[in-house]
């Protein structure tokens, strides 16, 4: 459903959340690509494999602005490839495998399917943390209001606007449930009070009859 699929994007809903949640992993991968291209990668490996949950896959996809609002299936994975073009310049391609079919080549925003490594840093500059520990300790009181308030972020264009009605629906369901729950509790309380009152009156009438 839309709601369950959308739930996978909540951890990286704003760009600051994405920067802190998936930014360090993406930064590490880009740094390894850069070291590999320069011949300074240690240990010098051709393949790095990360084991992750479906939520991690969704977090990375959403951070890269590639999440299609479909929750990752079992064994879904992302493939990042570093290659050298004809001008001996490194470029990055990203593939996504969400089913038993062949991996799909993804179109990197503002860069295409074969994005120069240097441009990758530019495209994703906003989600590459400079000092993760320091940024992670930043109080929401020191953030711009539109970053600290997810509800306000929903007013921005893009996926957020698409899913806004579902947030309203969920909020309505919670509010309605809370009201109904309160009414039911109130009715049960009245029933209990009435039952006590009825029993006391009945006991009093019985006692009076015995005395008479």
C-alpha atoms as a PDB file:
ATOM      1  CA  UNK A   1       0.000   0.000   0.000  1.00  0.00           C
ATOM      2  CA  UNK A   2       0.999   3.641  -0.381  1.00  0.00           C
ATOM      3  CA  UNK A   3       1.244   4.130   3.362  1.00  0.00           C
ATOM      4  CA  UNK A   4       3.559   1.153   3.946  1.00  0.00           C
ATOM      5  CA  UNK A   5       5.693   2.141   0.947  1.00  0.00           C
ATOM      6  CA  UNK A   6       5.879   5.723   2.171  1.00  0.00           C
ATOM      7  CA  UNK A   7       6.933   4.531   5.627  1.00  0.00           C
ATOM      8  CA  UNK A   8      10.278   3.495   4.142  1.00  0.00           C
ATOM      9  CA  UNK A   9      11.060   7.132   3.325  1.00  0.00           C
ATOM     10  CA  UNK A  10      10.345   8.595   6.768  1.00  0.00           C
ATOM     11  CA  UNK A  11      13.885   8.140   8.126  1.00  0.00           C
ATOM     12  CA  UNK A  12      15.247  10.300   5.297  1.00  0.00           C
ATOM     13  CA  UNK A  13      12.217  12.538   4.855  1.00  0.00           C
ATOM     14  CA  UNK A  14      14.106  15.845   4.868  1.00  0.00           C
ATOM     15  CA  UNK A  15      17.520  16.499   3.375  1.00  0.00           C
ATOM     16  CA  UNK A  16      19.009  17.008   6.844  1.00  0.00           C
ATOM     17  CA  UNK A  17      17.601  13.679   7.989  1.00  0.00           C
ATOM     18  CA  UNK A  18      19.012  12.071   4.846  1.00  0.00           C
ATOM     19  CA  UNK A  19      22.379  13.729   5.478  1.00  0.00           C
ATOM     20  CA  UNK A  20      22.579  12.220   8.950  1.00  0.00           C
ATOM     21  CA  UNK A  21      20.994   8.834   8.218  1.00  0.00           C
ATOM     22  CA  UNK A  22      22.511   7.729   4.913  1.00  0.00           C
ATOM     23  CA  UNK A  23      24.994  10.512   4.199  1.00  0.00           C
ATOM     24  CA  UNK A  24      27.971   8.859   5.952  1.00  0.00           C
ATOM     25  CA  UNK A  25      27.551   5.633   3.960  1.00  0.00           C
ATOM     26  CA  UNK A  26      27.287   7.435   0.628  1.00  0.00           C
ATOM     27  CA  UNK A  27      30.251   9.626   1.516  1.00  0.00           C
ATOM     28  CA  UNK A  28      32.310   6.537   2.348  1.00  0.00           C
ATOM     29  CA  UNK A  29      31.470   4.915  -0.986  1.00  0.00           C
ATOM     30  CA  UNK A  30      32.326   8.055  -2.960  1.00  0.00           C
ATOM     31  CA  UNK A  31      35.588   8.410  -1.056  1.00  0.00           C
ATOM     32  CA  UNK A  32      36.522   4.836  -1.907  1.00  0.00           C
ATOM     33  CA  UNK A  33      35.691   5.484  -5.557  1.00  0.00           C
ATOM     34  CA  UNK A  34      37.906   8.579  -5.455  1.00  0.00           C
ATOM     35  CA  UNK A  35      40.778   6.665  -3.848  1.00  0.00           C
ATOM     36  CA  UNK A  36      40.374   3.844  -6.374  1.00  0.00           C
ATOM     37  CA  UNK A  37      40.493   6.262  -9.286  1.00  0.00           C
ATOM     38  CA  UNK A  38      43.637   7.878  -7.854  1.00  0.00           C
ATOM     39  CA  UNK A  39      45.268   4.512  -7.162  1.00  0.00           C
ATOM     40  CA  UNK A  40      45.475   5.159  -3.414  1.00  0.00           C
ATOM     41  CA  UNK A  41      42.757   2.794  -2.142  1.00  0.00           C
ATOM     42  CA  UNK A  42      43.906   0.632   0.776  1.00  0.00           C
ATOM     43  CA  UNK A  43      43.274  -2.223   0.776  1.00  0.00           C
ATOM     44  CA  UNK A  44      43.104  -2.052  -3.002  1.00  0.00           C
ATOM     45  CA  UNK A  45      39.927  -4.011  -3.702  1.00  0.00           C
ATOM     46  CA  UNK A  46      37.698  -4.113  -6.749  1.00  0.00           C
ATOM     47  CA  UNK A  47      34.521  -5.049  -4.861  1.00  0.00           C
ATOM     48  CA  UNK A  48      33.049  -3.839  -1.570  1.00  0.00           C
ATOM     49  CA  UNK A  49      29.899  -5.533  -0.289  1.00  0.00           C
ATOM     50  CA  UNK A  50      27.618  -4.062   2.378  1.00  0.00           C
ATOM     51  CA  UNK A  51      25.018  -6.176   4.148  1.00  0.00           C
ATOM     52  CA  UNK A  52      21.891  -4.193   4.975  1.00  0.00           C
ATOM     53  CA  UNK A  53      18.184  -4.271   5.737  1.00  0.00           C
ATOM     54  CA  UNK A  54      15.440  -3.225   3.337  1.00  0.00           C
ATOM     55  CA  UNK A  55      15.129   0.009   5.307  1.00  0.00           C
ATOM     56  CA  UNK A  56      18.790   0.780   4.618  1.00  0.00           C
ATOM     57  CA  UNK A  57      18.269   0.230   0.892  1.00  0.00           C
ATOM     58  CA  UNK A  58      15.265   2.562   0.976  1.00  0.00           C
ATOM     59  CA  UNK A  59      17.198   5.161   2.981  1.00  0.00           C
ATOM     60  CA  UNK A  60      20.011   5.232   0.432  1.00  0.00           C
ATOM     61  CA  UNK A  61      17.583   5.350  -2.498  1.00  0.00           C
ATOM     62  CA  UNK A  62      15.611   8.214  -0.986  1.00  0.00           C
ATOM     63  CA  UNK A  63      18.766  10.098  -0.050  1.00  0.00           C
ATOM     64  CA  UNK A  64      19.928   9.804  -3.670  1.00  0.00           C
ATOM     65  CA  UNK A  65      16.462  10.994  -4.792  1.00  0.00           C
ATOM     66  CA  UNK A  66      15.907   7.670  -6.531  1.00  0.00           C
ATOM     67  CA  UNK A  67      13.199   6.130  -4.331  1.00  0.00           C
ATOM     68  CA  UNK A  68      10.109   5.322  -6.426  1.00  0.00           C
ATOM     69  CA  UNK A  69       7.752   4.901  -3.467  1.00  0.00           C
ATOM     70  CA  UNK A  70       7.838   1.119  -3.719  1.00  0.00           C
ATOM     71  CA  UNK A  71       9.228  -0.694  -0.702  1.00  0.00           C
ATOM     72  CA  UNK A  72      12.339  -2.797  -1.425  1.00  0.00           C
ATOM     73  CA  UNK A  73      11.533  -6.469  -1.829  1.00  0.00           C
ATOM     74  CA  UNK A  74      13.326  -9.405  -0.250  1.00  0.00           C
ATOM     75  CA  UNK A  75      17.033  -9.476  -1.278  1.00  0.00           C
ATOM     76  CA  UNK A  76      16.751  -6.067  -2.975  1.00  0.00           C
ATOM     77  CA  UNK A  77      20.120  -4.414  -3.467  1.00  0.00           C
ATOM     78  CA  UNK A  78      21.915  -1.417  -4.939  1.00  0.00           C
ATOM     79  CA  UNK A  79      24.950  -1.739  -7.166  1.00  0.00           C
ATOM     80  CA  UNK A  80      27.385   1.175  -7.487  1.00  0.00           C
ATOM     81  CA  UNK A  81      29.883   0.852 -10.327  1.00  0.00           C
ATOM     82  CA  UNK A  82      32.986   2.932 -10.964  1.00  0.00           C
ATOM     83  CA  UNK A  83      34.241   2.931 -14.543  1.00  0.00           C
ATOM     84  CA  UNK A  84      36.678   4.888 -16.701  1.00  0.00           C
ATOM     85  CA  UNK A  85      35.449   6.596 -19.879  1.00  0.00           C
ATOM     86  CA  UNK A  86      37.312   7.091 -23.142  1.00  0.00           C
ATOM     87  CA  UNK A  87      38.944  10.245 -21.785  1.00  0.00           C
ATOM     88  CA  UNK A  88      40.222   8.245 -18.818  1.00  0.00           C
ATOM     89  CA  UNK A  89      37.799  10.051 -16.482  1.00  0.00           C
ATOM     90  CA  UNK A  90      36.014   8.099 -13.709  1.00  0.00           C
ATOM     91  CA  UNK A  91      32.231   7.955 -13.743  1.00  0.00           C
ATOM     92  CA  UNK A  92      29.615   6.277 -11.538  1.00  0.00           C
ATOM     93  CA  UNK A  93      26.571   4.216 -12.496  1.00  0.00           C
ATOM     94  CA  UNK A  94      23.937   2.983 -10.062  1.00  0.00           C
ATOM     95  CA  UNK A  95      21.848  -0.149 -10.578  1.00  0.00           C
ATOM     96  CA  UNK A  96      18.863  -1.281  -8.535  1.00  0.00           C
ATOM     97  CA  UNK A  97      17.728  -4.889  -8.254  1.00  0.00           C
ATOM     98  CA  UNK A  98      14.346  -5.213  -6.579  1.00  0.00           C
ATOM     99  CA  UNK A  99      13.085  -8.453  -8.127  1.00  0.00           C
ATOM    100  CA  UNK A 100      14.440 -11.573  -9.777  1.00  0.00           C
ATOM    101  CA  UNK A 101      14.807  -9.572 -13.005  1.00  0.00           C
ATOM    102  CA  UNK A 102      18.025  -7.990 -14.216  1.00  0.00           C
ATOM    103  CA  UNK A 103      19.254  -4.903 -12.319  1.00  0.00           C
ATOM    104  CA  UNK A 104      17.814  -1.597 -13.549  1.00  0.00           C
ATOM    105  CA  UNK A 105      20.181   1.223 -14.481  1.00  0.00           C
ATOM    106  CA  UNK A 106      19.059   4.322 -12.561  1.00  0.00           C
ATOM    107  CA  UNK A 107      19.071   7.881 -13.833  1.00  0.00           C
ATOM    108  CA  UNK A 108      21.017   9.991 -11.336  1.00  0.00           C
ATOM    109  CA  UNK A 109      19.305  13.392 -10.895  1.00  0.00           C
ATOM    110  CA  UNK A 110      20.973  16.183 -12.899  1.00  0.00           C
ATOM    111  CA  UNK A 111      23.692  13.778 -13.989  1.00  0.00           C
ATOM    112  CA  UNK A 112      22.317  10.870 -16.006  1.00  0.00           C
ATOM    113  CA  UNK A 113      23.124   7.158 -16.009  1.00  0.00           C
ATOM    114  CA  UNK A 114      26.898   7.692 -16.226  1.00  0.00           C
ATOM    115  CA  UNK A 115      27.703  10.463 -13.765  1.00  0.00           C
ATOM    116  CA  UNK A 116      31.289  11.782 -13.568  1.00  0.00           C
ATOM    117  CA  UNK A 117      32.688  11.072 -10.125  1.00  0.00           C
ATOM    118  CA  UNK A 118      33.516  14.730  -9.563  1.00  0.00           C
ATOM    119  CA  UNK A 119      29.957  15.735 -10.394  1.00  0.00           C
ATOM    120  CA  UNK A 120      28.595  13.157  -7.952  1.00  0.00           C
ATOM    121  CA  UNK A 121      30.128  15.228  -5.173  1.00  0.00           C
ATOM    122  CA  UNK A 122      28.373  18.312  -6.542  1.00  0.00           C
ATOM    123  CA  UNK A 123      24.976  16.653  -7.032  1.00  0.00           C
ATOM    124  CA  UNK A 124      24.950  15.199  -3.527  1.00  0.00           C
ATOM    125  CA  UNK A 125      26.838  17.929  -1.719  1.00  0.00           C
ATOM    126  CA  UNK A 126      23.862  18.627   0.547  1.00  0.00           C
ATOM    127  CA  UNK A 127      23.826  15.110   2.014  1.00  0.00           C
ATOM    128  CA  UNK A 128      27.561  14.569   2.565  1.00  0.00           C
ATOM    129  CA  UNK A 129      28.235  15.426   6.222  1.00  0.00           C
ATOM    130  CA  UNK A 130      31.423  17.296   7.080  1.00  0.00           C
ATOM    131  CA  UNK A 131      31.359  16.344  10.761  1.00  0.00           C
ATOM    132  CA  UNK A 132      28.660  13.748  11.371  1.00  0.00           C
ATOM    133  CA  UNK A 133      29.012  13.564  15.169  1.00  0.00           C
ATOM    134  CA  UNK A 134      28.802  17.330  15.552  1.00  0.00           C
ATOM    135  CA  UNK A 135      25.879  17.643  13.147  1.00  0.00           C
ATOM    136  CA  UNK A 136      24.043  14.727  14.748  1.00  0.00           C
ATOM    137  CA  UNK A 137      24.142  16.465  18.132  1.00  0.00           C
ATOM    138  CA  UNK A 138      22.597  19.625  16.678  1.00  0.00           C
ATOM    139  CA  UNK A 139      19.453  20.538  18.582  1.00  0.00           C
ATOM    140  CA  UNK A 140      16.261  21.045  16.613  1.00  0.00           C
ATOM    141  CA  UNK A 141      16.084  24.442  18.334  1.00  0.00           C
ATOM    142  CA  UNK A 142      19.103  25.498  16.246  1.00  0.00           C
ATOM    143  CA  UNK A 143      17.731  24.192  12.938  1.00  0.00           C
ATOM    144  CA  UNK A 144      15.743  26.255  10.447  1.00  0.00           C
ATOM    145  CA  UNK A 145      12.066  25.740  11.166  1.00  0.00           C
ATOM    146  CA  UNK A 146      11.357  24.127   7.806  1.00  0.00           C
ATOM    147  CA  UNK A 147      14.018  21.464   8.498  1.00  0.00           C
ATOM    148  CA  UNK A 148      13.047  20.733  12.084  1.00  0.00           C
ATOM    149  CA  UNK A 149       9.326  20.556  11.305  1.00  0.00           C
ATOM    150  CA  UNK A 150       8.443  17.549   9.134  1.00  0.00           C
ATOM    151  CA  UNK A 151       4.866  18.722   8.881  1.00  0.00           C
ATOM    152  CA  UNK A 152       5.981  21.960   7.257  1.00  0.00           C
ATOM    153  CA  UNK A 153       8.292  20.056   4.924  1.00  0.00           C
ATOM    154  CA  UNK A 154       5.245  18.283   3.540  1.00  0.00           C
ATOM    155  CA  UNK A 155       4.214  21.527   1.895  1.00  0.00           C
ATOM    156  CA  UNK A 156       7.232  21.387  -0.400  1.00  0.00           C
ATOM    157  CA  UNK A 157       6.931  20.120  -3.989  1.00  0.00           C
ATOM    158  CA  UNK A 158       7.733  16.533  -4.891  1.00  0.00           C
ATOM    159  CA  UNK A 159       6.895  13.258  -3.214  1.00  0.00           C
ATOM    160  CA  UNK A 160       5.874  15.030  -0.037  1.00  0.00           C
ATOM    161  CA  UNK A 161       2.916  16.709  -1.754  1.00  0.00           C
ATOM    162  CA  UNK A 162       1.913  13.399  -3.304  1.00  0.00           C
ATOM    163  CA  UNK A 163       1.773  11.725   0.084  1.00  0.00           C
ATOM    164  CA  UNK A 164       0.280  14.665   1.977  1.00  0.00           C
ATOM    165  CA  UNK A 165      -3.315  13.357   1.693  1.00  0.00           C
ATOM    166  CA  UNK A 166      -2.211  10.093   3.297  1.00  0.00           C
ATOM    167  CA  UNK A 167      -0.729  11.936   6.260  1.00  0.00           C
ATOM    168  CA  UNK A 168      -3.999  13.808   6.620  1.00  0.00           C
ATOM    169  CA  UNK A 169      -5.874  10.499   6.395  1.00  0.00           C
ATOM    170  CA  UNK A 170      -3.659   8.874   9.028  1.00  0.00           C
ATOM    171  CA  UNK A 171      -4.006  11.891  11.311  1.00  0.00           C
ATOM    172  CA  UNK A 172      -7.785  11.768  10.871  1.00  0.00           C
ATOM    173  CA  UNK A 173      -7.845   8.077  11.711  1.00  0.00           C
ATOM    174  CA  UNK A 174      -5.795   8.618  14.884  1.00  0.00           C
ATOM    175  CA  UNK A 175      -7.955  11.550  15.983  1.00  0.00           C
ATOM    176  CA  UNK A 176     -11.175   9.662  15.247  1.00  0.00           C
ATOM    177  CA  UNK A 177      -9.888   6.596  17.104  1.00  0.00           C
ATOM    178  CA  UNK A 178      -8.916   8.738  20.087  1.00  0.00           C
ATOM    179  CA  UNK A 179     -12.350  10.389  20.181  1.00  0.00           C
ATOM    180  CA  UNK A 180     -14.206   7.078  19.854  1.00  0.00           C
ATOM    181  CA  UNK A 181     -11.993   5.559  22.531  1.00  0.00           C
ATOM    182  CA  UNK A 182     -12.751   8.444  24.861  1.00  0.00           C
ATOM    183  CA  UNK A 183     -16.496   8.146  24.212  1.00  0.00           C
ATOM    184  CA  UNK A 184     -16.428   4.399  24.837  1.00  0.00           C
ATOM    185  CA  UNK A 185     -14.481   4.840  28.084  1.00  0.00           C
ATOM    186  CA  UNK A 186     -16.929   7.528  29.186  1.00  0.00           C
ATOM    187  CA  UNK A 187     -19.914   5.289  28.416  1.00  0.00           C
ATOM    188  CA  UNK A 188     -18.339   2.389  30.305  1.00  0.00           C
ATOM    189  CA  UNK A 189     -17.739   4.673  33.269  1.00  0.00           C
ATOM    190  CA  UNK A 190     -21.358   5.860  33.220  1.00  0.00           C
ATOM    191  CA  UNK A 191     -22.553   2.258  32.997  1.00  0.00           C
ATOM    192  CA  UNK A 192     -20.411   1.317  35.977  1.00  0.00           C
ATOM    193  CA  UNK A 193     -21.687   4.272  38.014  1.00  0.00           C
ATOM    194  CA  UNK A 194     -25.290   3.455  37.090  1.00  0.00           C
ATOM    195  CA  UNK A 195     -24.766  -0.190  38.034  1.00  0.00           C
ATOM    196  CA  UNK A 196     -23.399   0.780  41.456  1.00  0.00           C
ATOM    197  CA  UNK A 197     -26.249   3.223  41.971  1.00  0.00           C
ATOM    198  CA  UNK A 198     -28.830   0.569  40.982  1.00  0.00           C
ATOM    199  CA  UNK A 199     -27.293  -2.037  43.300  1.00  0.00           C
ATOM    200  CA  UNK A 200     -27.259   0.368  46.222  1.00  0.00           C
ATOM    201  CA  UNK A 201     -30.869   1.333  45.713  1.00  0.00           C
ATOM    202  CA  UNK A 202     -31.850  -2.306  45.430  1.00  0.00           C
ATOM    203  CA  UNK A 203     -29.890  -3.186  48.586  1.00  0.00           C
ATOM    204  CA  UNK A 204     -31.435  -0.257  50.448  1.00  0.00           C
ATOM    205  CA  UNK A 205     -34.936  -1.285  49.403  1.00  0.00           C
ATOM    206  CA  UNK A 206     -34.245  -4.874  50.475  1.00  0.00           C
ATOM    207  CA  UNK A 207     -32.872  -3.768  53.849  1.00  0.00           C
ATOM    208  CA  UNK A 208     -35.886  -1.509  54.423  1.00  0.00           C
ATOM    209  CA  UNK A 209     -38.253  -4.383  53.619  1.00  0.00           C
ATOM    210  CA  UNK A 210     -36.449  -6.644  56.091  1.00  0.00           C
ATOM    211  CA  UNK A 211     -36.716  -4.030  58.830  1.00  0.00           C
ATOM    212  CA  UNK A 212     -40.434  -3.564  58.159  1.00  0.00           C
END
